[in-house]
Amino acid sequence: MTTLKYILGPMRLPFLMLTPACVILGLSTAVWTTGKQDTINYVSFLLAMTGAFAAHISVNAFNEYFDFKSGLDLKTVRTPFSGGSGAIPERPEFLLHALITAVATFVLTAAIGVYFLITIGPGLLPLGLLGLIIIIIYTPWLTRSGILCLFAPGTGFGILMVMGTDFVLTGGYSMTAFFASLTPFFLVSNLLLLNQFPDVEADNSIGRSHFPGVAGRRKSSFIYTAFVLMTYLSIIFGVELNYLPELCLIGLVTFIPAMFVCSGAYRHADDIQKLVPFMGINVIITVATPLLVAMGLVLG
């Protein structure tokens, strides 16, 4: 069991709950746009879910591998929501297992993507290629650009997972899937942004260039607040433009706790111990809001 702990550690299993929330949102847009739940190919849905899990595990494991190789893991002060799993720093001999996990799940992701290209069509290719590129370059390169580091997580979990799932179930793109994808786009970008607050000094020491490290935590809390507002505005606009059913407004339920986190991010930007509870609430909001929008789509 001890060995298994260090083999599974780089996968960051507790954080994988975000993946089904995004894929289920893509399923829900397909159900609503087709109007018939019984027309959905649930084998394709399960394959899409498997590919999404594999992609998430791959980027996590690559992150663990590169963070240890760069020396970052030895400088980071871990919190329950940031700083990696801690598995490799505890047992460096499992570093190769992290790399094997990253490569194996990357290959699985690519293989599922190729299957969909063959069975559904080449329209999925832009999303698939972008997703594979993000997995590979996120830690070594994208984290060195404030803008790219900010938008890459939301692109992967929002645009790519939601619209990709919708595409494999419907065979095309839709504005419904796009507007729905904006919810995890902004929330997941915010999730990573807030989780960077504790790592500023360590990240700066190895040349990372995200907003909390460049602009400071306090100023970055304003970016966080702006993204929170964009999350809920995207739901409202989607409904107003008739791309989302009115029941999707149930996603606004998380607005008040989200504003509570905005306040905490500003007030405790430089006090990580006090910030940690707000980071936890942020995780709940990031997972719950896409599921609420999905519920609105299915019931709407």
C-alpha atoms as a PDB file:
ATOM      1  CA  MET A   1       0.000   0.000   0.000  1.00  0.00           C
ATOM      2  CA  THR A   2       2.897   2.361   0.737  1.00  0.00           C
ATOM      3  CA  THR A   3       4.359   1.759  -2.718  1.00  0.00           C
ATOM      4  CA  LEU A   4       0.945   2.307  -4.314  1.00  0.00           C
ATOM      5  CA  LYS A   5       0.664   5.637  -2.528  1.00  0.00           C
ATOM      6  CA  TYR A   6       3.784   6.954  -4.243  1.00  0.00           C
ATOM      7  CA  ILE A   7       2.857   5.500  -7.631  1.00  0.00           C
ATOM      8  CA  LEU A   8      -0.607   7.075  -7.535  1.00  0.00           C
ATOM      9  CA  GLY A   9       0.550  10.304  -5.876  1.00  0.00           C
ATOM     10  CA  PRO A  10       1.530  12.145  -9.082  1.00  0.00           C
ATOM     11  CA  MET A  11      -1.959  11.531 -10.477  1.00  0.00           C
ATOM     12  CA  ARG A  12      -3.357  13.813  -7.729  1.00  0.00           C
ATOM     13  CA  LEU A  13      -6.501  11.706  -7.481  1.00  0.00           C
ATOM     14  CA  PRO A  14      -8.424  14.054  -5.105  1.00  0.00           C
ATOM     15  CA  PHE A  15      -8.284  16.797  -7.745  1.00  0.00           C
ATOM     16  CA  LEU A  16      -9.709  14.652 -10.551  1.00  0.00           C
ATOM     17  CA  MET A  17     -13.284  15.450  -9.448  1.00  0.00           C
ATOM     18  CA  LEU A  18     -13.089  18.482 -11.732  1.00  0.00           C
ATOM     19  CA  THR A  19     -12.937  16.276 -14.833  1.00  0.00           C
ATOM     20  CA  PRO A  20     -16.370  14.600 -14.588  1.00  0.00           C
ATOM     21  CA  ALA A  21     -17.985  17.972 -13.822  1.00  0.00           C
ATOM     22  CA  CYS A  22     -16.717  19.357 -17.139  1.00  0.00           C
ATOM     23  CA  VAL A  23     -17.462  16.235 -19.193  1.00  0.00           C
ATOM     24  CA  ILE A  24     -20.969  15.950 -17.718  1.00  0.00           C
ATOM     25  CA  LEU A  25     -21.529  19.583 -18.707  1.00  0.00           C
ATOM     26  CA  GLY A  26     -20.593  18.630 -22.284  1.00  0.00           C
ATOM     27  CA  LEU A  27     -23.000  15.692 -22.123  1.00  0.00           C
ATOM     28  CA  SER A  28     -25.745  18.030 -20.909  1.00  0.00           C
ATOM     29  CA  THR A  29     -25.279  20.474 -23.787  1.00  0.00           C
ATOM     30  CA  ALA A  30     -25.572  17.541 -26.199  1.00  0.00           C
ATOM     31  CA  VAL A  31     -28.781  16.355 -24.513  1.00  0.00           C
ATOM     32  CA  TRP A  32     -30.317  19.832 -24.655  1.00  0.00           C
ATOM     33  CA  THR A  33     -29.340  20.632 -28.263  1.00  0.00           C
ATOM     34  CA  THR A  34     -30.474  17.259 -29.618  1.00  0.00           C
ATOM     35  CA  GLY A  35     -33.608  17.304 -27.498  1.00  0.00           C
ATOM     36  CA  LYS A  36     -33.472  13.564 -26.990  1.00  0.00           C
ATOM     37  CA  GLN A  37     -31.523  11.919 -24.214  1.00  0.00           C
ATOM     38  CA  ASP A  38     -31.995   8.471 -25.750  1.00  0.00           C
ATOM     39  CA  THR A  39     -30.114   9.496 -28.900  1.00  0.00           C
ATOM     40  CA  ILE A  40     -26.853  10.000 -26.990  1.00  0.00           C
ATOM     41  CA  ASN A  41     -24.156   7.419 -27.643  1.00  0.00           C
ATOM     42  CA  TYR A  42     -23.092   6.607 -24.103  1.00  0.00           C
ATOM     43  CA  VAL A  43     -20.176   4.467 -25.271  1.00  0.00           C
ATOM     44  CA  SER A  44     -18.745   7.613 -26.862  1.00  0.00           C
ATOM     45  CA  PHE A  45     -19.508   9.500 -23.661  1.00  0.00           C
ATOM     46  CA  LEU A  46     -17.592   6.961 -21.565  1.00  0.00           C
ATOM     47  CA  LEU A  47     -14.683   7.113 -23.997  1.00  0.00           C
ATOM     48  CA  ALA A  48     -14.715  10.914 -23.799  1.00  0.00           C
ATOM     49  CA  MET A  49     -14.721  10.687 -20.006  1.00  0.00           C
ATOM     50  CA  THR A  50     -11.809   8.233 -20.097  1.00  0.00           C
ATOM     51  CA  GLY A  51      -9.849  10.507 -22.424  1.00  0.00           C
ATOM     52  CA  ALA A  52     -10.532  13.510 -20.201  1.00  0.00           C
ATOM     53  CA  PHE A  53      -9.385  11.640 -17.086  1.00  0.00           C
ATOM     54  CA  ALA A  54      -6.252  10.491 -18.927  1.00  0.00           C
ATOM     55  CA  ALA A  55      -5.489  14.043 -20.056  1.00  0.00           C
ATOM     56  CA  HIS A  56      -5.945  15.405 -16.527  1.00  0.00           C
ATOM     57  CA  ILE A  57      -3.731  12.702 -15.015  1.00  0.00           C
ATOM     58  CA  SER A  58      -1.103  13.277 -17.694  1.00  0.00           C
ATOM     59  CA  VAL A  59      -0.809  17.020 -17.096  1.00  0.00           C
ATOM     60  CA  ASN A  60      -0.709  16.396 -13.320  1.00  0.00           C
ATOM     61  CA  ALA A  61       2.042  13.779 -13.612  1.00  0.00           C
ATOM     62  CA  PHE A  62       4.093  15.905 -16.016  1.00  0.00           C
ATOM     63  CA  ASN A  63       3.728  18.770 -13.550  1.00  0.00           C
ATOM     64  CA  GLU A  64       4.999  16.603 -10.693  1.00  0.00           C
ATOM     65  CA  TYR A  65       7.919  15.384 -12.804  1.00  0.00           C
ATOM     66  CA  PHE A  66       9.030  18.804 -14.041  1.00  0.00           C
ATOM     67  CA  ASP A  67       8.509  20.488 -10.664  1.00  0.00           C
ATOM     68  CA  PHE A  68      10.837  18.014  -9.002  1.00  0.00           C
ATOM     69  CA  LYS A  69      13.431  18.200 -11.793  1.00  0.00           C
ATOM     70  CA  SER A  70      13.483  21.998 -11.561  1.00  0.00           C
ATOM     71  CA  GLY A  71      13.979  21.912  -7.785  1.00  0.00           C
ATOM     72  CA  LEU A  72      10.656  23.689  -7.195  1.00  0.00           C
ATOM     73  CA  ASP A  73       9.239  20.915  -5.024  1.00  0.00           C
ATOM     74  CA  LEU A  74      12.049  21.440  -2.521  1.00  0.00           C
ATOM     75  CA  LYS A  75      11.151  25.133  -2.159  1.00  0.00           C
ATOM     76  CA  THR A  76       7.354  25.028  -2.191  1.00  0.00           C
ATOM     77  CA  VAL A  77       5.332  25.254   0.999  1.00  0.00           C
ATOM     78  CA  ARG A  78       2.465  22.854   0.328  1.00  0.00           C
ATOM     79  CA  THR A  79      -1.165  23.521   1.204  1.00  0.00           C
ATOM     80  CA  PRO A  80      -4.097  21.098   0.798  1.00  0.00           C
ATOM     81  CA  PHE A  81      -4.815  22.782  -2.547  1.00  0.00           C
ATOM     82  CA  SER A  82      -1.418  23.706  -3.954  1.00  0.00           C
ATOM     83  CA  GLY A  83       2.197  22.631  -4.099  1.00  0.00           C
ATOM     84  CA  GLY A  84       1.699  19.201  -5.649  1.00  0.00           C
ATOM     85  CA  SER A  85       1.144  15.820  -4.023  1.00  0.00           C
ATOM     86  CA  GLY A  86       4.461  15.755  -2.182  1.00  0.00           C
ATOM     87  CA  ALA A  87       4.963  12.123  -3.239  1.00  0.00           C
ATOM     88  CA  ILE A  88       8.141  12.599  -5.270  1.00  0.00           C
ATOM     89  CA  PRO A  89       9.980  14.821  -2.741  1.00  0.00           C
ATOM     90  CA  GLU A  90       9.279  12.147  -0.111  1.00  0.00           C
ATOM     91  CA  ARG A  91      10.413   9.280  -2.339  1.00  0.00           C
ATOM     92  CA  PRO A  92      12.540  10.587  -5.259  1.00  0.00           C
ATOM     93  CA  GLU A  93      13.079   7.037  -6.545  1.00  0.00           C
ATOM     94  CA  PHE A  94       9.489   7.166  -7.828  1.00  0.00           C
ATOM     95  CA  LEU A  95      10.296  10.040 -10.203  1.00  0.00           C
ATOM     96  CA  LEU A  96      10.479   7.638 -13.158  1.00  0.00           C
ATOM     97  CA  HIS A  97       7.037   6.280 -12.275  1.00  0.00           C
ATOM     98  CA  ALA A  98       5.656   9.824 -12.527  1.00  0.00           C
ATOM     99  CA  LEU A  99       7.126  10.220 -16.006  1.00  0.00           C
ATOM    100  CA  ILE A 100       5.819   6.811 -17.107  1.00  0.00           C
ATOM    101  CA  THR A 101       2.359   7.744 -15.804  1.00  0.00           C
ATOM    102  CA  ALA A 102       2.464  11.049 -17.674  1.00  0.00           C
ATOM    103  CA  VAL A 103       3.539   9.491 -20.971  1.00  0.00           C
ATOM    104  CA  ALA A 104       1.192   6.484 -20.751  1.00  0.00           C
ATOM    105  CA  THR A 105      -1.887   8.609 -20.063  1.00  0.00           C
ATOM    106  CA  PHE A 106      -0.826  11.068 -22.775  1.00  0.00           C
ATOM    107  CA  VAL A 107      -0.684   8.198 -25.286  1.00  0.00           C
ATOM    108  CA  LEU A 108      -4.094   6.968 -24.091  1.00  0.00           C
ATOM    109  CA  THR A 109      -5.554  10.456 -24.553  1.00  0.00           C
ATOM    110  CA  ALA A 110      -4.122  10.663 -28.075  1.00  0.00           C
ATOM    111  CA  ALA A 111      -5.364   7.172 -28.966  1.00  0.00           C
ATOM    112  CA  ILE A 112      -8.928   8.007 -27.918  1.00  0.00           C
ATOM    113  CA  GLY A 113      -8.692  11.214 -29.910  1.00  0.00           C
ATOM    114  CA  VAL A 114      -7.583   9.322 -33.028  1.00  0.00           C
ATOM    115  CA  TYR A 115     -10.503   6.919 -32.566  1.00  0.00           C
ATOM    116  CA  PHE A 116     -12.946   9.830 -32.541  1.00  0.00           C
ATOM    117  CA  LEU A 117     -11.295  11.390 -35.596  1.00  0.00           C
ATOM    118  CA  ILE A 118     -11.828   8.140 -37.479  1.00  0.00           C
ATOM    119  CA  THR A 119     -15.363   7.435 -36.288  1.00  0.00           C
ATOM    120  CA  ILE A 120     -16.813  10.956 -36.096  1.00  0.00           C
ATOM    121  CA  GLY A 121     -14.731  13.145 -38.375  1.00  0.00           C
ATOM    122  CA  PRO A 122     -11.812  15.566 -38.578  1.00  0.00           C
ATOM    123  CA  GLY A 123     -13.740  18.469 -37.063  1.00  0.00           C
ATOM    124  CA  LEU A 124     -12.458  17.457 -33.648  1.00  0.00           C
ATOM    125  CA  LEU A 125      -8.822  17.812 -34.736  1.00  0.00           C
ATOM    126  CA  PRO A 126      -8.273  21.479 -33.684  1.00  0.00           C
ATOM    127  CA  LEU A 127      -9.503  20.812 -30.144  1.00  0.00           C
ATOM    128  CA  GLY A 128      -7.602  17.543 -29.887  1.00  0.00           C
ATOM    129  CA  LEU A 129      -4.285  18.950 -31.074  1.00  0.00           C
ATOM    130  CA  LEU A 130      -4.564  21.991 -28.819  1.00  0.00           C
ATOM    131  CA  GLY A 131      -5.309  19.743 -25.866  1.00  0.00           C
ATOM    132  CA  LEU A 132      -2.286  17.529 -26.477  1.00  0.00           C
ATOM    133  CA  ILE A 133      -0.033  20.555 -26.899  1.00  0.00           C
ATOM    134  CA  ILE A 134      -1.230  22.085 -23.619  1.00  0.00           C
ATOM    135  CA  ILE A 135      -0.546  18.826 -21.759  1.00  0.00           C
ATOM    136  CA  ILE A 136       3.051  18.735 -22.972  1.00  0.00           C
ATOM    137  CA  ILE A 137       4.037  22.383 -22.683  1.00  0.00           C
ATOM    138  CA  TYR A 138       1.994  23.603 -19.715  1.00  0.00           C
ATOM    139  CA  THR A 139       4.568  23.160 -16.951  1.00  0.00           C
ATOM    140  CA  PRO A 140       7.857  23.790 -18.801  1.00  0.00           C
ATOM    141  CA  TRP A 141       6.699  26.707 -20.994  1.00  0.00           C
ATOM    142  CA  LEU A 142       3.196  28.069 -20.412  1.00  0.00           C
ATOM    143  CA  THR A 143       3.909  28.745 -16.736  1.00  0.00           C
ATOM    144  CA  ARG A 144       6.571  31.228 -17.872  1.00  0.00           C
ATOM    145  CA  SER A 145       3.952  33.498 -19.469  1.00  0.00           C
ATOM    146  CA  GLY A 146       1.436  35.259 -17.259  1.00  0.00           C
ATOM    147  CA  ILE A 147      -1.278  35.423 -19.924  1.00  0.00           C
ATOM    148  CA  LEU A 148      -0.846  31.862 -21.193  1.00  0.00           C
ATOM    149  CA  CYS A 149      -0.586  30.457 -17.676  1.00  0.00           C
ATOM    150  CA  LEU A 150      -3.807  32.259 -16.779  1.00  0.00           C
ATOM    151  CA  PHE A 151      -5.872  31.054 -19.735  1.00  0.00           C
ATOM    152  CA  ALA A 152      -4.475  27.554 -20.377  1.00  0.00           C
ATOM    153  CA  PRO A 153      -6.268  25.760 -17.490  1.00  0.00           C
ATOM    154  CA  GLY A 154      -9.656  27.206 -18.387  1.00  0.00           C
ATOM    155  CA  THR A 155      -9.088  26.421 -22.048  1.00  0.00           C
ATOM    156  CA  GLY A 156      -8.291  22.791 -21.252  1.00  0.00           C
ATOM    157  CA  PHE A 157     -11.136  22.111 -18.848  1.00  0.00           C
ATOM    158  CA  GLY A 158     -13.671  24.535 -20.286  1.00  0.00           C
ATOM    159  CA  ILE A 159     -13.381  24.934 -24.041  1.00  0.00           C
ATOM    160  CA  LEU A 160     -11.693  21.629 -24.824  1.00  0.00           C
ATOM    161  CA  MET A 161     -13.451  19.242 -22.436  1.00  0.00           C
ATOM    162  CA  VAL A 162     -16.954  20.684 -22.684  1.00  0.00           C
ATOM    163  CA  MET A 163     -16.990  21.432 -26.404  1.00  0.00           C
ATOM    164  CA  GLY A 164     -15.002  18.282 -27.181  1.00  0.00           C
ATOM    165  CA  THR A 165     -17.497  16.078 -25.335  1.00  0.00           C
ATOM    166  CA  ASP A 166     -20.403  17.849 -27.024  1.00  0.00           C
ATOM    167  CA  PHE A 167     -18.759  17.354 -30.435  1.00  0.00           C
ATOM    168  CA  VAL A 168     -18.228  13.602 -30.071  1.00  0.00           C
ATOM    169  CA  LEU A 169     -21.882  13.230 -29.018  1.00  0.00           C
ATOM    170  CA  THR A 170     -23.456  15.503 -31.633  1.00  0.00           C
ATOM    171  CA  GLY A 171     -20.932  15.521 -34.483  1.00  0.00           C
ATOM    172  CA  GLY A 172     -20.673  19.311 -34.562  1.00  0.00           C
ATOM    173  CA  TYR A 173     -20.084  22.539 -32.683  1.00  0.00           C
ATOM    174  CA  SER A 174     -22.791  24.661 -31.102  1.00  0.00           C
ATOM    175  CA  MET A 175     -23.133  28.012 -29.399  1.00  0.00           C
ATOM    176  CA  THR A 176     -24.833  26.205 -26.516  1.00  0.00           C
ATOM    177  CA  ALA A 177     -21.680  24.194 -25.867  1.00  0.00           C
ATOM    178  CA  PHE A 178     -19.567  27.343 -26.219  1.00  0.00           C
ATOM    179  CA  PHE A 179     -21.555  29.375 -23.703  1.00  0.00           C
ATOM    180  CA  ALA A 180     -21.689  26.431 -21.309  1.00  0.00           C
ATOM    181  CA  SER A 181     -17.920  25.981 -21.617  1.00  0.00           C
ATOM    182  CA  LEU A 182     -17.339  29.556 -20.433  1.00  0.00           C
ATOM    183  CA  THR A 183     -18.405  28.590 -16.903  1.00  0.00           C
ATOM    184  CA  PRO A 184     -15.480  26.188 -16.303  1.00  0.00           C
ATOM    185  CA  PHE A 185     -13.259  28.348 -18.528  1.00  0.00           C
ATOM    186  CA  PHE A 186     -13.331  31.238 -16.078  1.00  0.00           C
ATOM    187  CA  LEU A 187     -13.666  29.133 -12.926  1.00  0.00           C
ATOM    188  CA  VAL A 188     -10.782  26.760 -13.641  1.00  0.00           C
ATOM    189  CA  SER A 189      -8.513  29.616 -14.694  1.00  0.00           C
ATOM    190  CA  ASN A 190      -9.414  31.217 -11.357  1.00  0.00           C
ATOM    191  CA  LEU A 191      -8.788  27.953  -9.520  1.00  0.00           C
ATOM    192  CA  LEU A 192      -5.194  27.821 -10.723  1.00  0.00           C
ATOM    193  CA  LEU A 193      -4.750  31.577 -10.235  1.00  0.00           C
ATOM    194  CA  LEU A 194      -5.713  31.448  -6.557  1.00  0.00           C
ATOM    195  CA  ASN A 195      -3.691  28.278  -6.031  1.00  0.00           C
ATOM    196  CA  GLN A 196      -0.608  30.162  -7.252  1.00  0.00           C
ATOM    197  CA  PHE A 197      -0.791  32.617  -4.345  1.00  0.00           C
ATOM    198  CA  PRO A 198       1.097  30.368  -1.863  1.00  0.00           C
ATOM    199  CA  ASP A 199       3.832  29.539  -4.406  1.00  0.00           C
ATOM    200  CA  VAL A 200       4.898  33.042  -5.466  1.00  0.00           C
ATOM    201  CA  GLU A 201       8.381  33.068  -3.954  1.00  0.00           C
ATOM    202  CA  ALA A 202       9.180  29.485  -4.947  1.00  0.00           C
ATOM    203  CA  ASP A 203       7.869  29.953  -8.497  1.00  0.00           C
ATOM    204  CA  ASN A 204       9.755  33.211  -8.961  1.00  0.00           C
ATOM    205  CA  SER A 205      12.985  31.476  -7.946  1.00  0.00           C
ATOM    206  CA  ILE A 206      12.829  29.123 -10.950  1.00  0.00           C
ATOM    207  CA  GLY A 207      11.665  31.691 -13.497  1.00  0.00           C
ATOM    208  CA  ARG A 208       7.917  31.169 -13.555  1.00  0.00           C
ATOM    209  CA  SER A 209       5.948  34.228 -14.578  1.00  0.00           C
ATOM    210  CA  HIS A 210       2.324  34.069 -13.459  1.00  0.00           C
ATOM    211  CA  PHE A 211       0.294  37.082 -12.362  1.00  0.00           C
ATOM    212  CA  PRO A 212       0.635  36.639  -8.579  1.00  0.00           C
ATOM    213  CA  GLY A 213       4.412  36.518  -9.013  1.00  0.00           C
ATOM    214  CA  VAL A 214       4.671  39.422 -11.457  1.00  0.00           C
ATOM    215  CA  ALA A 215       1.856  41.775 -10.419  1.00  0.00           C
ATOM    216  CA  GLY A 216       1.549  40.653  -6.819  1.00  0.00           C
ATOM    217  CA  ARG A 217      -1.125  38.734  -4.949  1.00  0.00           C
ATOM    218  CA  ARG A 218      -3.299  41.718  -4.057  1.00  0.00           C
ATOM    219  CA  LYS A 219      -3.549  42.935  -7.669  1.00  0.00           C
ATOM    220  CA  SER A 220      -4.164  39.368  -8.831  1.00  0.00           C
ATOM    221  CA  SER A 221      -7.181  39.206  -6.526  1.00  0.00           C
ATOM    222  CA  PHE A 222      -8.792  41.803  -8.816  1.00  0.00           C
ATOM    223  CA  ILE A 223      -8.244  39.472 -11.784  1.00  0.00           C
ATOM    224  CA  TYR A 224      -9.843  36.719  -9.734  1.00  0.00           C
ATOM    225  CA  THR A 225     -12.876  38.931  -9.048  1.00  0.00           C
ATOM    226  CA  ALA A 226     -13.171  39.900 -12.718  1.00  0.00           C
ATOM    227  CA  PHE A 227     -13.190  36.238 -13.744  1.00  0.00           C
ATOM    228  CA  VAL A 228     -15.838  35.466 -11.122  1.00  0.00           C
ATOM    229  CA  LEU A 229     -18.068  38.167 -12.596  1.00  0.00           C
ATOM    230  CA  MET A 230     -17.426  36.903 -16.134  1.00  0.00           C
ATOM    231  CA  THR A 231     -18.457  33.401 -15.044  1.00  0.00           C
ATOM    232  CA  TYR A 232     -21.933  34.439 -14.016  1.00  0.00           C
ATOM    233  CA  LEU A 233     -22.363  37.008 -16.783  1.00  0.00           C
ATOM    234  CA  SER A 234     -21.635  34.270 -19.331  1.00  0.00           C
ATOM    235  CA  ILE A 235     -24.487  32.203 -17.881  1.00  0.00           C
ATOM    236  CA  ILE A 236     -26.855  35.182 -17.947  1.00  0.00           C
ATOM    237  CA  PHE A 237     -25.905  36.148 -21.506  1.00  0.00           C
ATOM    238  CA  GLY A 238     -26.226  32.532 -22.636  1.00  0.00           C
ATOM    239  CA  VAL A 239     -29.785  32.461 -21.301  1.00  0.00           C
ATOM    240  CA  GLU A 240     -30.660  35.899 -22.674  1.00  0.00           C
ATOM    241  CA  LEU A 241     -29.442  34.882 -26.135  1.00  0.00           C
ATOM    242  CA  ASN A 242     -31.439  31.624 -25.932  1.00  0.00           C
ATOM    243  CA  TYR A 243     -28.345  29.442 -26.174  1.00  0.00           C
ATOM    244  CA  LEU A 244     -28.988  28.135 -22.660  1.00  0.00           C
ATOM    245  CA  PRO A 245     -32.339  27.330 -21.035  1.00  0.00           C
ATOM    246  CA  GLU A 246     -33.558  29.567 -18.221  1.00  0.00           C
ATOM    247  CA  LEU A 247     -33.004  26.802 -15.688  1.00  0.00           C
ATOM    248  CA  CYS A 248     -29.249  27.242 -16.185  1.00  0.00           C
ATOM    249  CA  LEU A 249     -29.613  30.329 -14.016  1.00  0.00           C
ATOM    250  CA  ILE A 250     -29.497  27.855 -11.136  1.00  0.00           C
ATOM    251  CA  GLY A 251     -25.742  28.170 -11.606  1.00  0.00           C
ATOM    252  CA  LEU A 252     -26.002  31.631 -10.040  1.00  0.00           C
ATOM    253  CA  VAL A 253     -26.556  29.930  -6.678  1.00  0.00           C
ATOM    254  CA  THR A 254     -22.790  29.889  -6.159  1.00  0.00           C
ATOM    255  CA  PHE A 255     -22.409  33.623  -6.804  1.00  0.00           C
ATOM    256  CA  ILE A 256     -22.581  34.699  -3.151  1.00  0.00           C
ATOM    257  CA  PRO A 257     -19.972  32.194  -1.905  1.00  0.00           C
ATOM    258  CA  ALA A 258     -17.842  33.179  -4.910  1.00  0.00           C
ATOM    259  CA  MET A 259     -17.971  36.829  -3.857  1.00  0.00           C
ATOM    260  CA  PHE A 260     -17.056  35.719  -0.341  1.00  0.00           C
ATOM    261  CA  VAL A 261     -13.921  34.133  -1.809  1.00  0.00           C
ATOM    262  CA  CYS A 262     -13.214  37.340  -3.749  1.00  0.00           C
ATOM    263  CA  SER A 263     -13.247  39.234  -0.479  1.00  0.00           C
ATOM    264  CA  GLY A 264     -11.011  36.659   1.188  1.00  0.00           C
ATOM    265  CA  ALA A 265      -8.542  36.683  -1.704  1.00  0.00           C
ATOM    266  CA  TYR A 266      -8.203  40.437  -1.380  1.00  0.00           C
ATOM    267  CA  ARG A 267      -8.076  40.643   2.408  1.00  0.00           C
ATOM    268  CA  HIS A 268      -5.744  37.678   2.930  1.00  0.00           C
ATOM    269  CA  ALA A 269      -3.719  37.828  -0.280  1.00  0.00           C
ATOM    270  CA  ASP A 270      -0.461  37.832   1.655  1.00  0.00           C
ATOM    271  CA  ASP A 271      -1.540  35.659   4.577  1.00  0.00           C
ATOM    272  CA  ILE A 272      -1.577  32.158   3.143  1.00  0.00           C
ATOM    273  CA  GLN A 273      -2.727  30.487   6.357  1.00  0.00           C
ATOM    274  CA  LYS A 274      -5.893  32.597   6.385  1.00  0.00           C
ATOM    275  CA  LEU A 275      -6.291  32.224   2.616  1.00  0.00           C
ATOM    276  CA  VAL A 276      -6.389  28.401   2.658  1.00  0.00           C
ATOM    277  CA  PRO A 277     -10.078  28.077   3.729  1.00  0.00           C
ATOM    278  CA  PHE A 278     -11.072  30.350   0.848  1.00  0.00           C
ATOM    279  CA  MET A 279      -9.059  28.153  -1.510  1.00  0.00           C
ATOM    280  CA  GLY A 280     -11.152  25.218  -0.329  1.00  0.00           C
ATOM    281  CA  ILE A 281     -14.424  27.057  -0.970  1.00  0.00           C
ATOM    282  CA  ASN A 282     -13.069  27.990  -4.391  1.00  0.00           C
ATOM    283  CA  VAL A 283     -12.624  24.306  -5.259  1.00  0.00           C
ATOM    284  CA  ILE A 284     -16.230  23.561  -4.293  1.00  0.00           C
ATOM    285  CA  ILE A 285     -17.511  26.468  -6.414  1.00  0.00           C
ATOM    286  CA  THR A 286     -15.421  25.372  -9.395  1.00  0.00           C
ATOM    287  CA  VAL A 287     -16.863  21.864  -9.333  1.00  0.00           C
ATOM    288  CA  ALA A 288     -20.426  22.693  -8.277  1.00  0.00           C
ATOM    289  CA  THR A 289     -21.218  25.504 -10.706  1.00  0.00           C
ATOM    290  CA  PRO A 290     -20.693  23.496 -13.945  1.00  0.00           C
ATOM    291  CA  LEU A 291     -22.793  20.692 -12.446  1.00  0.00           C
ATOM    292  CA  LEU A 292     -25.587  23.147 -11.644  1.00  0.00           C
ATOM    293  CA  VAL A 293     -25.507  24.512 -15.200  1.00  0.00           C
ATOM    294  CA  ALA A 294     -25.560  20.904 -16.449  1.00  0.00           C
ATOM    295  CA  MET A 295     -28.633  20.262 -14.305  1.00  0.00           C
ATOM    296  CA  GLY A 296     -30.315  23.292 -15.835  1.00  0.00           C
ATOM    297  CA  LEU A 297     -29.587  21.986 -19.341  1.00  0.00           C
ATOM    298  CA  VAL A 298     -30.951  18.504 -18.639  1.00  0.00           C
ATOM    299  CA  LEU A 299     -34.088  19.759 -16.882  1.00  0.00           C
ATOM    300  CA  GLY A 300     -34.591  22.685 -19.247  1.00  0.00           C
END
